[in-house]
């Protein structure tokens, strides 16, 4: 018996049925076409060609990684630390981070299941958001903000919702503003203190109020603490999950060595949070970057604690110098006010009446 071959059903669309035709395919993925380049990095690339210009755009110390940290990396290369590590990161670094957190803030995290080492804090932000956001979930983002925040949210399928603060509140948002922005689709608050780019530092009381509001509303909080040690004057850094421990099961901390240890080029960051979130973020990383460079993890682990004092001292000196120079430019009738954190004082140089879209456009 002969079996006739079965032809697949025709996918030809009748010539007159334009509505049934599939949308024209683009050369690049639509989700990528919708993502603008980083405004800060574009600024960095332009200024790299101008040797006589001092860049205030990219957030990094203007000195190199401390020698003792570099030597740790060099020794690791010579000893053969050139292979893959666990997707979670080296256990030595994760244990060091856990000890550091317990010593500084009295909070305990499991280095085996609650800490993931990432390729800088930027990747930490991306995998953390991807682990908790579904399409259409809204993320409240206090503004002004680092230009990568909204794009990372969009890439994860979320919707950024801007809440704007200005100089009248020290660039700090209030619970009333946050509540006004909350909808039934709100899932996450992205909290940053010290703030990037303003340098605003929230007080313990303000952090507690915001944290308790988020806990009461059942929201996740993703807190970026990359500038935790660059705090000056009378201001003090406070970690949100420490101040509001009842939020810990829905709080994700993003951090790294870039600012504190002048290690921006080494690309070592981390995600700290609930076990299920860290596991999900690790799964994502396992299919993307696999792990952070072995040598970079060793250097991050081996940096001596006195580096914190070195960076803080230089930061305070630069902050005072910038304030004096701005005073010279503006004149005695309009003194500059360096912020409590790492940023530069915005003062009246920003048009606070411009809408957020225009501000974003100015940054690009």
Foldseek 3Di string as FASTA:
>chain_A
DDDDDDDDDDPDDPPVCVVPDDDDDDPDDPLVVPFDPFLLVVVVVVCVVPVVDDDQRDPFDPDAFDPQLVVLLVVCVVVPLFDADALQAHLLLLVLVQVVCCVPQVDGADSVFFKRKFQALLLVLLLLLLLPDDAAAEEEEEPPARLVVQSSNVVSRYHYDYQYDDVVVLSDDAPVSVVVRDDPRYAEYEAEACGPAARAHDALVRLLVNLVSCVVVVHAYEYECAQQLQFDDPGHHDDNCSSVVVNQQRYKYKYACCHQRVPVPQRIIMIGGDRSSSVSSSVVSCVPVNHRGSSSSSSRSRDDPCSNVVSNVVQVVVQVVLQVVVCVVVDVVQGFDQHRGRHGHCRPVDDPPDDPVVVSVVSD
